[in-house]
């Protein structure tokens, strides 16, 4: 089992920035690729970004490319999502997830955090 706890969400004005953190415990963090997903009210959960175990590969959804950056610190068992130039359409609950290989599809991820709310006002 891997336990994941997100933090760093909040309310920010459009154009602002937030950094989300996801702390992992349980099994060896370095053995897992990590992903960030989001779910807006009334919508399906969607892919945001993912990072491989060694940080050598990163994926981004086109909607966040150039604005969001995923990173990880394996010594701290933590994955981050730096979000810049936030837009009202980025408003959602953000989830981190762990999987043995990097992937876009949320159904491939085995472990999930409880989510953190990000709200962007116009």
N, C-alpha and C. Protein backbone atom coordinates (compact mmCIF):
# COMPACT_ATOMS: atom_id res chain seq x y z
N UNK A 1 0.83 -1.20 0.00
CA UNK A 1 0.00 0.00 0.00
C UNK A 1 0.86 1.24 0.00
N UNK A 2 0.39 2.25 -0.69
CA UNK A 2 1.01 3.57 -0.68
C UNK A 2 -0.04 4.56 -0.23
N UNK A 3 0.28 5.34 0.76
CA UNK A 3 -0.62 6.38 1.22
C UNK A 3 -0.15 7.71 0.68
N UNK A 4 -1.09 8.48 0.15
CA UNK A 4 -0.77 9.76 -0.48
C UNK A 4 -1.61 10.86 0.16
N UNK A 5 -0.95 11.97 0.48
CA UNK A 5 -1.64 13.10 1.09
C UNK A 5 -1.26 14.38 0.35
N UNK A 6 -2.26 15.01 -0.26
CA UNK A 6 -2.03 16.25 -0.98
C UNK A 6 -2.19 17.46 -0.06
N UNK A 7 -1.51 18.52 -0.41
CA UNK A 7 -1.65 19.79 0.30
C UNK A 7 -1.29 20.92 -0.64
N UNK A 8 -1.62 22.14 -0.23
CA UNK A 8 -1.22 23.31 -1.01
C UNK A 8 -2.32 23.96 -1.81
N UNK A 9 -3.51 23.36 -1.82
CA UNK A 9 -4.61 23.97 -2.55
C UNK A 9 -5.09 25.25 -1.87
N UNK A 10 -5.98 25.95 -2.57
CA UNK A 10 -6.53 27.18 -2.00
C UNK A 10 -7.22 28.01 -3.06
N UNK A 11 -7.52 29.24 -2.66
CA UNK A 11 -8.18 30.20 -3.55
C UNK A 11 -7.14 31.21 -4.03
N UNK A 12 -7.11 31.42 -5.34
CA UNK A 12 -6.14 32.35 -5.92
C UNK A 12 -6.81 33.10 -7.07
N UNK A 13 -6.34 34.31 -7.32
CA UNK A 13 -6.86 35.06 -8.45
C UNK A 13 -6.24 34.58 -9.75
N UNK A 14 -6.96 34.80 -10.83
CA UNK A 14 -6.44 34.44 -12.15
C UNK A 14 -5.09 35.11 -12.37
N UNK A 15 -4.17 34.34 -12.94
CA UNK A 15 -2.81 34.82 -13.14
C UNK A 15 -1.87 34.49 -12.00
N UNK A 16 -2.42 34.03 -10.90
CA UNK A 16 -1.61 33.71 -9.73
C UNK A 16 -1.00 32.32 -9.82
N UNK A 17 -0.33 31.94 -8.73
CA UNK A 17 0.38 30.66 -8.68
C UNK A 17 0.06 29.91 -7.40
N UNK A 18 0.16 28.61 -7.48
CA UNK A 18 0.07 27.72 -6.33
C UNK A 18 1.04 26.57 -6.55
N UNK A 19 1.53 26.00 -5.46
CA UNK A 19 2.32 24.78 -5.55
C UNK A 19 1.66 23.71 -4.71
N UNK A 20 1.27 22.64 -5.37
CA UNK A 20 0.70 21.49 -4.68
C UNK A 20 1.81 20.51 -4.32
N UNK A 21 1.63 19.88 -3.17
CA UNK A 21 2.55 18.83 -2.73
C UNK A 21 1.77 17.56 -2.48
N UNK A 22 2.43 16.46 -2.67
CA UNK A 22 1.82 15.15 -2.38
C UNK A 22 2.88 14.32 -1.67
N UNK A 23 2.63 14.05 -0.41
CA UNK A 23 3.56 13.27 0.40
C UNK A 23 3.14 11.81 0.40
N UNK A 24 4.11 10.94 0.16
CA UNK A 24 3.84 9.51 0.09
C UNK A 24 4.45 8.79 1.27
N UNK A 25 3.77 7.75 1.71
CA UNK A 25 4.30 6.88 2.75
C UNK A 25 3.88 5.46 2.43
N UNK A 26 4.52 4.52 3.10
CA UNK A 26 4.23 3.12 2.84
C UNK A 26 5.35 2.51 2.04
N UNK A 27 5.05 2.02 0.87
CA UNK A 27 6.06 1.36 0.05
C UNK A 27 7.04 2.36 -0.54
N UNK A 28 8.12 1.88 -1.08
CA UNK A 28 9.22 2.71 -1.55
C UNK A 28 8.76 3.64 -2.66
N UNK A 29 8.84 4.93 -2.37
CA UNK A 29 8.34 5.95 -3.28
C UNK A 29 9.03 5.89 -4.63
N UNK A 30 10.32 5.64 -4.63
CA UNK A 30 11.09 5.67 -5.87
C UNK A 30 10.65 4.57 -6.84
N UNK A 31 9.91 3.60 -6.39
CA UNK A 31 9.43 2.52 -7.25
C UNK A 31 8.20 2.90 -8.06
N UNK A 32 7.67 4.12 -7.85
CA UNK A 32 6.41 4.50 -8.46
C UNK A 32 6.54 5.75 -9.31
N UNK A 33 5.95 5.69 -10.50
CA UNK A 33 5.68 6.90 -11.24
C UNK A 33 4.51 7.62 -10.57
N UNK A 34 4.48 8.92 -10.75
CA UNK A 34 3.45 9.71 -10.06
C UNK A 34 2.69 10.58 -11.07
N UNK A 35 1.43 10.76 -10.79
CA UNK A 35 0.61 11.60 -11.66
C UNK A 35 -0.24 12.57 -10.87
N UNK A 36 -0.59 13.66 -11.54
CA UNK A 36 -1.58 14.60 -11.00
C UNK A 36 -2.79 14.59 -11.93
N UNK A 37 -3.95 14.55 -11.32
CA UNK A 37 -5.21 14.58 -12.05
C UNK A 37 -6.09 15.63 -11.41
N UNK A 38 -7.15 16.02 -12.10
CA UNK A 38 -8.09 16.97 -11.51
C UNK A 38 -9.51 16.63 -11.94
N UNK A 39 -10.43 17.05 -11.10
CA UNK A 39 -11.83 16.80 -11.38
C UNK A 39 -12.63 18.04 -11.01
N UNK A 40 -13.18 18.68 -12.03
CA UNK A 40 -14.05 19.84 -11.80
C UNK A 40 -15.45 19.34 -11.50
N UNK A 41 -16.22 20.18 -10.86
CA UNK A 41 -17.57 19.82 -10.47
C UNK A 41 -18.39 19.42 -11.69
N UNK A 42 -18.99 18.23 -11.64
CA UNK A 42 -19.83 17.76 -12.73
C UNK A 42 -19.08 17.19 -13.92
N UNK A 43 -17.77 17.09 -13.81
CA UNK A 43 -16.97 16.58 -14.91
C UNK A 43 -16.19 15.34 -14.49
N UNK A 44 -15.67 14.62 -15.49
CA UNK A 44 -14.87 13.44 -15.21
C UNK A 44 -13.46 13.85 -14.78
N UNK A 45 -12.81 12.94 -14.08
CA UNK A 45 -11.43 13.16 -13.68
C UNK A 45 -10.55 13.18 -14.92
N UNK A 46 -9.63 14.14 -14.99
CA UNK A 46 -8.79 14.26 -16.17
C UNK A 46 -7.31 14.35 -15.81
N UNK A 47 -6.49 13.92 -16.73
CA UNK A 47 -5.05 13.93 -16.56
C UNK A 47 -4.51 15.36 -16.60
N UNK A 48 -3.54 15.63 -15.73
CA UNK A 48 -2.86 16.92 -15.72
C UNK A 48 -1.38 16.75 -16.07
N UNK A 49 -0.68 15.93 -15.31
CA UNK A 49 0.76 15.75 -15.52
C UNK A 49 1.21 14.46 -14.87
N UNK A 50 2.34 13.94 -15.34
CA UNK A 50 2.91 12.73 -14.75
C UNK A 50 4.42 12.78 -14.86
N UNK A 51 5.06 12.03 -13.97
CA UNK A 51 6.52 12.02 -13.92
C UNK A 51 6.99 10.60 -13.65
N UNK A 52 8.06 10.21 -14.32
CA UNK A 52 8.60 8.87 -14.14
C UNK A 52 9.33 8.74 -12.81
N UNK A 53 9.73 7.53 -12.51
CA UNK A 53 10.35 7.26 -11.21
C UNK A 53 11.64 8.05 -11.01
N UNK A 54 12.40 8.21 -12.08
CA UNK A 54 13.69 8.91 -11.98
C UNK A 54 13.61 10.38 -12.38
N UNK A 55 12.42 10.86 -12.70
CA UNK A 55 12.18 12.23 -13.18
C UNK A 55 12.68 12.45 -14.60
N UNK A 56 13.11 11.40 -15.29
CA UNK A 56 13.66 11.56 -16.63
C UNK A 56 12.59 11.83 -17.68
N UNK A 57 11.36 11.44 -17.39
CA UNK A 57 10.26 11.63 -18.34
C UNK A 57 9.11 12.33 -17.63
N UNK A 58 8.56 13.34 -18.30
CA UNK A 58 7.37 14.02 -17.79
C UNK A 58 6.36 14.16 -18.93
N UNK A 59 5.11 14.09 -18.57
CA UNK A 59 4.00 14.27 -19.51
C UNK A 59 3.11 15.40 -18.99
N UNK A 60 2.55 16.15 -19.91
CA UNK A 60 1.60 17.20 -19.55
C UNK A 60 0.41 17.18 -20.50
N UNK A 61 -0.76 17.49 -19.96
CA UNK A 61 -1.89 17.74 -20.82
C UNK A 61 -1.64 19.06 -21.53
N UNK A 62 -2.16 19.18 -22.75
CA UNK A 62 -1.94 20.40 -23.53
C UNK A 62 -2.48 21.63 -22.83
N UNK A 63 -3.52 21.46 -22.03
CA UNK A 63 -4.15 22.61 -21.39
C UNK A 63 -3.28 23.25 -20.32
N UNK A 64 -2.26 22.53 -19.84
CA UNK A 64 -1.42 23.07 -18.77
C UNK A 64 0.03 23.21 -19.20
N UNK A 65 0.36 22.73 -20.39
CA UNK A 65 1.73 22.77 -20.87
C UNK A 65 2.24 24.21 -20.91
N UNK A 66 3.41 24.43 -20.35
CA UNK A 66 3.98 25.77 -20.30
C UNK A 66 3.58 26.57 -19.08
N UNK A 67 2.57 26.09 -18.36
CA UNK A 67 2.12 26.80 -17.14
C UNK A 67 2.37 25.98 -15.88
N UNK A 68 2.24 24.66 -15.98
CA UNK A 68 2.42 23.78 -14.82
C UNK A 68 3.72 23.00 -14.97
N UNK A 69 4.33 22.70 -13.83
CA UNK A 69 5.54 21.89 -13.82
C UNK A 69 5.44 20.83 -12.74
N UNK A 70 5.62 19.58 -13.12
CA UNK A 70 5.63 18.48 -12.16
C UNK A 70 7.08 18.16 -11.82
N UNK A 71 7.33 17.87 -10.55
CA UNK A 71 8.66 17.48 -10.11
C UNK A 71 8.52 16.56 -8.92
N UNK A 72 9.61 15.92 -8.55
CA UNK A 72 9.57 15.03 -7.39
C UNK A 72 10.90 15.08 -6.68
N UNK A 73 10.84 14.81 -5.39
CA UNK A 73 12.03 14.71 -4.55
C UNK A 73 11.96 13.34 -3.89
N UNK A 74 12.71 12.40 -4.42
CA UNK A 74 12.63 11.03 -3.91
C UNK A 74 13.19 10.92 -2.49
N UNK A 75 14.06 11.81 -2.11
CA UNK A 75 14.59 11.79 -0.75
C UNK A 75 13.52 12.21 0.27
N UNK A 76 12.56 13.01 -0.20
CA UNK A 76 11.48 13.48 0.68
C UNK A 76 10.17 12.77 0.43
N UNK A 77 10.17 11.79 -0.48
CA UNK A 77 8.95 11.04 -0.81
C UNK A 77 7.80 11.98 -1.19
N UNK A 78 8.12 12.97 -1.99
CA UNK A 78 7.13 13.99 -2.30
C UNK A 78 7.16 14.32 -3.80
N UNK A 79 5.97 14.53 -4.35
CA UNK A 79 5.83 15.01 -5.72
C UNK A 79 5.13 16.37 -5.65
N UNK A 80 5.52 17.24 -6.56
CA UNK A 80 5.01 18.61 -6.56
C UNK A 80 4.34 18.93 -7.88
N UNK A 81 3.44 19.90 -7.83
CA UNK A 81 2.87 20.47 -9.05
C UNK A 81 2.90 21.98 -8.89
N UNK A 82 3.83 22.62 -9.59
CA UNK A 82 3.89 24.08 -9.59
C UNK A 82 2.95 24.59 -10.66
N UNK A 83 2.00 25.41 -10.25
CA UNK A 83 0.98 25.91 -11.17
C UNK A 83 1.11 27.43 -11.27
N UNK A 84 1.44 27.91 -12.44
CA UNK A 84 1.57 29.33 -12.70
C UNK A 84 0.52 29.78 -13.71
N UNK A 85 0.32 31.09 -13.79
CA UNK A 85 -0.64 31.66 -14.74
C UNK A 85 -1.98 30.95 -14.67
N UNK A 86 -2.48 30.78 -13.46
CA UNK A 86 -3.72 30.03 -13.26
C UNK A 86 -4.90 30.73 -13.90
N UNK A 87 -5.83 29.92 -14.38
CA UNK A 87 -7.04 30.38 -15.05
C UNK A 87 -8.25 29.86 -14.30
N UNK A 88 -9.39 30.53 -14.42
CA UNK A 88 -10.61 30.03 -13.76
C UNK A 88 -10.93 28.59 -14.17
N UNK A 89 -10.62 28.21 -15.38
CA UNK A 89 -10.90 26.84 -15.82
C UNK A 89 -9.98 25.80 -15.19
N UNK A 90 -8.99 26.22 -14.43
CA UNK A 90 -8.15 25.29 -13.67
C UNK A 90 -8.81 24.90 -12.34
N UNK A 91 -9.92 25.54 -12.01
CA UNK A 91 -10.63 25.23 -10.77
C UNK A 91 -11.09 23.77 -10.75
N UNK A 92 -10.68 23.05 -9.71
CA UNK A 92 -10.99 21.63 -9.61
C UNK A 92 -10.43 21.09 -8.30
N UNK A 93 -10.80 19.86 -7.99
CA UNK A 93 -10.10 19.12 -6.95
C UNK A 93 -8.94 18.41 -7.63
N UNK A 94 -7.75 18.58 -7.08
CA UNK A 94 -6.54 18.00 -7.65
C UNK A 94 -6.12 16.78 -6.82
N UNK A 95 -5.83 15.70 -7.53
CA UNK A 95 -5.45 14.45 -6.91
C UNK A 95 -4.06 14.02 -7.38
N UNK A 96 -3.28 13.47 -6.47
CA UNK A 96 -2.07 12.80 -6.91
C UNK A 96 -2.32 11.29 -6.88
N UNK A 97 -1.57 10.58 -7.68
CA UNK A 97 -1.75 9.14 -7.80
C UNK A 97 -0.41 8.48 -8.09
N UNK A 98 -0.31 7.21 -7.72
CA UNK A 98 0.92 6.44 -7.90
C UNK A 98 0.65 5.20 -8.73
N UNK A 99 1.63 4.89 -9.58
CA UNK A 99 1.52 3.71 -10.44
C UNK A 99 2.93 3.20 -10.72
N UNK A 100 3.03 1.96 -11.10
CA UNK A 100 4.36 1.40 -11.34
C UNK A 100 5.00 1.92 -12.62
N UNK A 101 4.18 2.45 -13.53
CA UNK A 101 4.75 3.05 -14.73
C UNK A 101 4.02 4.34 -15.05
N UNK A 102 4.67 5.25 -15.73
CA UNK A 102 4.07 6.53 -16.07
C UNK A 102 2.93 6.30 -17.06
N UNK A 103 1.84 7.01 -16.88
CA UNK A 103 0.67 6.80 -17.72
C UNK A 103 -0.21 8.05 -17.68
N UNK A 104 -1.06 8.17 -18.73
CA UNK A 104 -2.04 9.26 -18.78
C UNK A 104 -3.39 8.83 -18.21
N UNK A 105 -3.70 7.55 -18.37
CA UNK A 105 -5.03 7.04 -18.05
C UNK A 105 -5.18 6.87 -16.54
N UNK A 106 -6.13 7.55 -15.93
CA UNK A 106 -6.30 7.42 -14.48
C UNK A 106 -6.63 6.00 -14.05
N UNK A 107 -7.24 5.21 -14.91
CA UNK A 107 -7.60 3.83 -14.54
C UNK A 107 -6.37 2.95 -14.33
N UNK A 108 -5.21 3.40 -14.78
CA UNK A 108 -3.99 2.61 -14.61
C UNK A 108 -3.33 2.85 -13.26
N UNK A 109 -3.78 3.87 -12.54
CA UNK A 109 -3.14 4.22 -11.27
C UNK A 109 -3.78 3.45 -10.12
N UNK A 110 -2.92 2.92 -9.26
CA UNK A 110 -3.37 2.04 -8.20
C UNK A 110 -3.71 2.77 -6.90
N UNK A 111 -3.00 3.85 -6.65
CA UNK A 111 -3.13 4.52 -5.36
C UNK A 111 -3.44 5.99 -5.57
N UNK A 112 -4.34 6.51 -4.73
CA UNK A 112 -4.82 7.88 -4.88
C UNK A 112 -4.83 8.60 -3.54
N UNK A 113 -4.59 9.91 -3.58
CA UNK A 113 -4.78 10.74 -2.41
C UNK A 113 -6.24 11.17 -2.31
N UNK A 114 -6.52 11.97 -1.29
CA UNK A 114 -7.89 12.38 -1.03
C UNK A 114 -8.27 13.64 -1.78
N UNK A 115 -7.28 14.33 -2.35
CA UNK A 115 -7.55 15.51 -3.15
C UNK A 115 -7.41 16.81 -2.38
N UNK A 116 -7.11 17.87 -3.12
CA UNK A 116 -7.04 19.21 -2.54
C UNK A 116 -7.71 20.18 -3.52
N UNK A 117 -8.52 21.07 -2.96
CA UNK A 117 -9.30 21.98 -3.80
C UNK A 117 -8.45 23.16 -4.27
N UNK A 118 -8.52 23.44 -5.55
CA UNK A 118 -7.92 24.63 -6.13
C UNK A 118 -9.04 25.45 -6.77
N UNK A 119 -9.16 26.69 -6.35
CA UNK A 119 -10.19 27.58 -6.89
C UNK A 119 -9.52 28.83 -7.43
N UNK A 120 -9.84 29.17 -8.67
CA UNK A 120 -9.23 30.33 -9.32
C UNK A 120 -10.34 31.32 -9.66
N UNK A 121 -10.26 32.50 -9.10
CA UNK A 121 -11.29 33.51 -9.34
C UNK A 121 -10.87 34.41 -10.50
N UNK A 122 -11.87 34.90 -11.20
CA UNK A 122 -11.59 35.76 -12.37
C UNK A 122 -11.49 37.22 -11.97
